[in-house]
Protein backbone atom coordinates (compact mmCIF):
# COMPACT_ATOMS: atom_id res chain seq x y z
CA MET A 1 213.16 101.45 13.47
CA LYS A 2 214.68 102.55 10.17
CA LYS A 3 217.62 100.23 10.77
CA ILE A 4 215.29 97.27 11.30
CA ILE A 5 213.37 98.04 8.11
CA LEU A 6 216.61 98.49 6.18
CA PHE A 7 217.96 95.23 7.62
CA ALA A 8 214.72 93.40 6.71
CA ILE A 9 214.87 94.73 3.14
CA LEU A 10 218.51 93.68 2.85
CA LEU A 11 217.70 90.23 4.24
CA ILE A 12 214.80 89.78 1.80
CA TYR A 13 217.01 90.90 -1.09
CA LEU A 14 219.78 88.44 -0.12
CA ALA A 15 217.27 85.60 0.28
CA SER A 16 215.68 86.33 -3.09
CA SER A 17 219.17 86.45 -4.69
CA SER A 18 219.99 83.05 -3.18
CA ILE A 19 216.89 81.15 -4.28
CA PHE A 20 215.95 80.31 -7.85
CA SER A 21 213.34 78.14 -9.50
CA LEU A 22 214.22 75.60 -12.18
CA ASP A 23 211.54 74.59 -14.66
CA GLU A 24 211.31 70.91 -15.68
CA LYS A 25 212.20 71.87 -19.28
CA TYR A 26 215.72 72.97 -18.32
CA TYR A 27 219.01 71.90 -16.82
CA GLY A 28 220.58 74.47 -14.53
CA VAL A 29 224.33 74.89 -14.78
CA ILE A 30 225.66 76.82 -11.77
CA THR A 31 228.95 78.63 -12.36
CA LYS A 32 231.38 80.67 -10.32
CA SER A 33 233.77 82.76 -12.44
CA ASP A 34 232.87 80.63 -15.51
CA GLU A 35 233.80 77.39 -13.72
CA ILE A 36 231.02 74.87 -13.22
CA VAL A 37 230.05 74.41 -9.58
CA ARG A 38 227.21 71.96 -10.19
CA VAL A 39 224.53 70.84 -12.63
CA ILE A 40 220.90 70.59 -11.56
CA SER A 41 218.43 68.47 -13.52
CA GLU A 42 215.54 68.31 -11.06
CA PRO A 43 212.85 71.01 -11.23
CA GLY A 44 211.96 73.07 -8.18
CA LEU A 45 213.48 75.63 -5.85
CA HIS A 46 217.25 75.61 -5.45
CA ILE A 47 219.84 77.65 -3.56
CA LYS A 48 222.93 79.43 -4.88
CA VAL A 49 225.47 81.80 -3.37
CA PRO A 50 224.26 85.32 -4.12
CA PHE A 51 226.51 87.50 -6.29
CA LYS A 52 229.06 84.67 -6.73
CA HIS A 53 227.08 81.99 -8.52
CA LYS A 54 225.34 82.42 -11.83
CA VAL A 55 222.60 80.11 -13.20
CA HIS A 56 222.69 79.14 -16.90
CA LEU A 57 219.61 77.44 -18.34
CA ILE A 58 219.98 74.72 -20.97
CA HIS A 59 216.95 73.20 -22.71
CA LYS A 60 216.25 69.53 -22.05
CA SER A 61 213.81 69.22 -24.93
CA MET A 62 214.67 67.84 -28.33
CA ALA A 63 215.77 70.38 -30.92
CA ILE A 64 215.50 70.16 -34.68
CA THR A 65 218.23 71.46 -36.95
CA GLU A 66 217.91 71.55 -40.72
CA ALA A 67 220.75 71.14 -43.19
CA ASP A 68 220.44 71.77 -46.94
CA PHE A 69 223.39 70.71 -49.07
CA GLU A 70 224.48 69.05 -52.31
CA VAL A 71 226.32 65.79 -52.67
CA THR A 72 227.41 63.71 -55.67
CA SER A 73 226.49 60.02 -55.94
CA THR A 74 228.78 57.33 -57.36
CA GLU A 75 226.95 57.75 -60.73
CA LYS A 76 227.87 61.46 -60.68
CA ASN A 77 224.25 62.54 -60.08
CA ILE A 78 223.97 65.68 -58.00
CA LEU A 79 221.63 65.21 -55.05
CA HIS A 80 220.08 68.23 -53.36
CA VAL A 81 219.64 66.95 -49.81
CA LYS A 82 217.37 68.40 -47.15
CA ALA A 83 218.06 66.79 -43.77
CA ARG A 84 216.39 67.25 -40.39
CA ILE A 85 218.51 66.41 -37.37
CA PHE A 86 216.65 65.64 -34.13
CA TRP A 87 218.98 66.11 -31.15
CA GLU A 88 219.15 66.88 -27.46
CA VAL A 89 221.67 67.77 -24.78
CA SER A 90 223.14 64.61 -23.27
CA ASP A 91 225.62 66.19 -20.86
CA PRO A 92 224.76 69.74 -19.72
CA ALA A 93 228.21 70.39 -18.21
CA ILE A 94 230.10 69.48 -21.39
CA TYR A 95 227.49 71.26 -23.50
CA TYR A 96 227.93 74.47 -21.47
CA ILE A 97 231.73 74.35 -21.77
CA LYS A 98 231.99 73.43 -25.46
CA ASN A 99 229.04 75.31 -27.00
CA PRO A 100 229.08 79.07 -26.63
CA SER A 101 225.54 79.29 -28.01
CA PHE A 102 222.61 77.30 -29.38
CA ASP A 103 223.54 78.52 -32.88
CA SER A 104 227.05 77.13 -32.53
CA SER A 105 225.54 73.73 -31.63
CA ARG A 106 223.36 73.77 -34.73
CA ASP A 107 226.30 74.78 -36.94
CA LEU A 108 228.41 72.00 -35.46
CA LEU A 109 225.71 69.39 -36.12
CA ARG A 110 225.18 70.63 -39.67
CA LYS A 111 228.92 70.32 -40.29
CA PHE A 112 229.04 66.76 -38.91
CA VAL A 113 225.96 65.64 -40.87
CA VAL A 114 227.05 67.22 -44.16
CA GLU A 115 230.59 65.84 -43.97
CA ASP A 116 229.49 62.34 -43.03
CA THR A 117 226.66 62.25 -45.57
CA LYS A 118 228.99 63.32 -48.36
CA ARG A 119 231.46 60.63 -47.31
CA ILE A 120 228.78 57.91 -47.28
CA PHE A 121 227.00 59.05 -50.47
CA ALA A 122 230.27 59.17 -52.40
CA LYS A 123 230.59 55.41 -51.81
CA THR A 124 226.92 54.47 -52.32
CA ALA A 125 225.05 53.81 -55.57
CA ALA A 126 221.93 55.93 -56.14
CA THR A 127 219.76 52.79 -56.23
CA ASP A 128 220.79 52.03 -52.62
CA LEU A 129 220.20 55.57 -51.36
CA PHE A 130 216.43 55.75 -51.61
CA VAL A 131 213.48 54.09 -49.89
CA GLY A 132 210.86 52.22 -51.90
CA SER A 133 212.43 52.81 -55.26
CA ASN A 134 215.21 51.21 -57.21
CA ASP A 135 214.67 53.78 -59.93
CA PRO A 136 217.60 56.20 -59.87
CA LYS A 137 215.72 58.35 -62.42
CA LYS A 138 213.05 59.24 -59.90
CA GLU A 139 213.37 62.96 -59.18
CA CYS A 140 212.59 63.27 -55.43
CA CYS A 141 212.92 60.51 -52.91
CA GLU A 142 213.19 59.76 -49.21
CA ILE A 143 216.71 58.73 -48.33
CA ASN A 144 217.10 55.24 -46.89
CA PRO A 145 217.22 55.59 -43.07
CA THR A 146 219.87 52.87 -42.80
CA ILE A 147 222.25 55.26 -44.58
CA PHE A 148 221.77 57.78 -41.78
CA PHE A 149 221.88 55.07 -39.13
CA LYS A 150 225.52 54.51 -40.07
CA ALA A 151 226.14 58.25 -40.12
CA LYS A 152 224.28 58.75 -36.82
CA GLU A 153 226.58 56.33 -34.98
CA ARG A 154 229.68 58.18 -36.14
CA ILE A 155 228.13 61.63 -35.61
CA ASN A 156 227.07 60.68 -32.05
CA LYS A 157 230.69 59.82 -31.27
CA LEU A 158 231.76 63.24 -32.51
CA SER A 159 228.86 65.23 -31.03
CA GLY A 160 229.04 63.34 -27.71
CA SER A 161 232.26 65.16 -26.95
CA PHE A 162 230.18 68.35 -27.18
CA GLY A 163 227.43 67.09 -24.84
CA ILE A 164 224.98 66.42 -27.69
CA LYS A 165 223.13 63.23 -28.68
CA ILE A 166 221.53 62.70 -32.09
CA ARG A 167 218.14 60.99 -31.83
CA ARG A 168 217.21 60.76 -35.50
CA ILE A 169 218.09 62.08 -38.95
CA ASP A 170 215.44 62.29 -41.68
CA ALA A 171 216.27 63.37 -45.20
CA ASN A 172 214.92 63.74 -48.73
CA ALA A 173 216.86 64.40 -51.90
CA LYS A 174 216.13 65.76 -55.35
CA VAL A 175 218.22 64.20 -58.09
CA GLU A 176 219.87 66.34 -60.76
CA ARG A 177 221.41 64.36 -63.57
CA PRO A 178 224.49 65.60 -65.43
């Protein structure tokens, strides 16, 4: 009788180690010795090999990353830029391989946005940078979204190789004159 009870407990333990539930908010990346076995995007109950496969959860929802930096316009005005980057995982397998953590993804996006923004702003007159104002003397303004549309296309090419897609970039800037 003890053997039957022990066998039943072992069987229940193995079954519970084989089955996992995936919430609709996540991708499930199944790995075996850090190699991807499969990616699951559908919510529900799924099966894995107990003790050999590991489940890694990756958020499907959009994330927001902020970047604060300074850039100089063609008129040598210093702009204090505050950008918000709206992004999501586009390829969970690539994202899992190339991004050791969520923080590394945010740092990568900040780097791409800052570098590209500086490159674009260095070639753009202050009067073309802002929405609803041709007054470069205005102290705080919303940055023209078409500026970031150009940057977004280039950044998506770069970030796509990391399994990330940029949805939108919003930014404001305060102008400091020399």
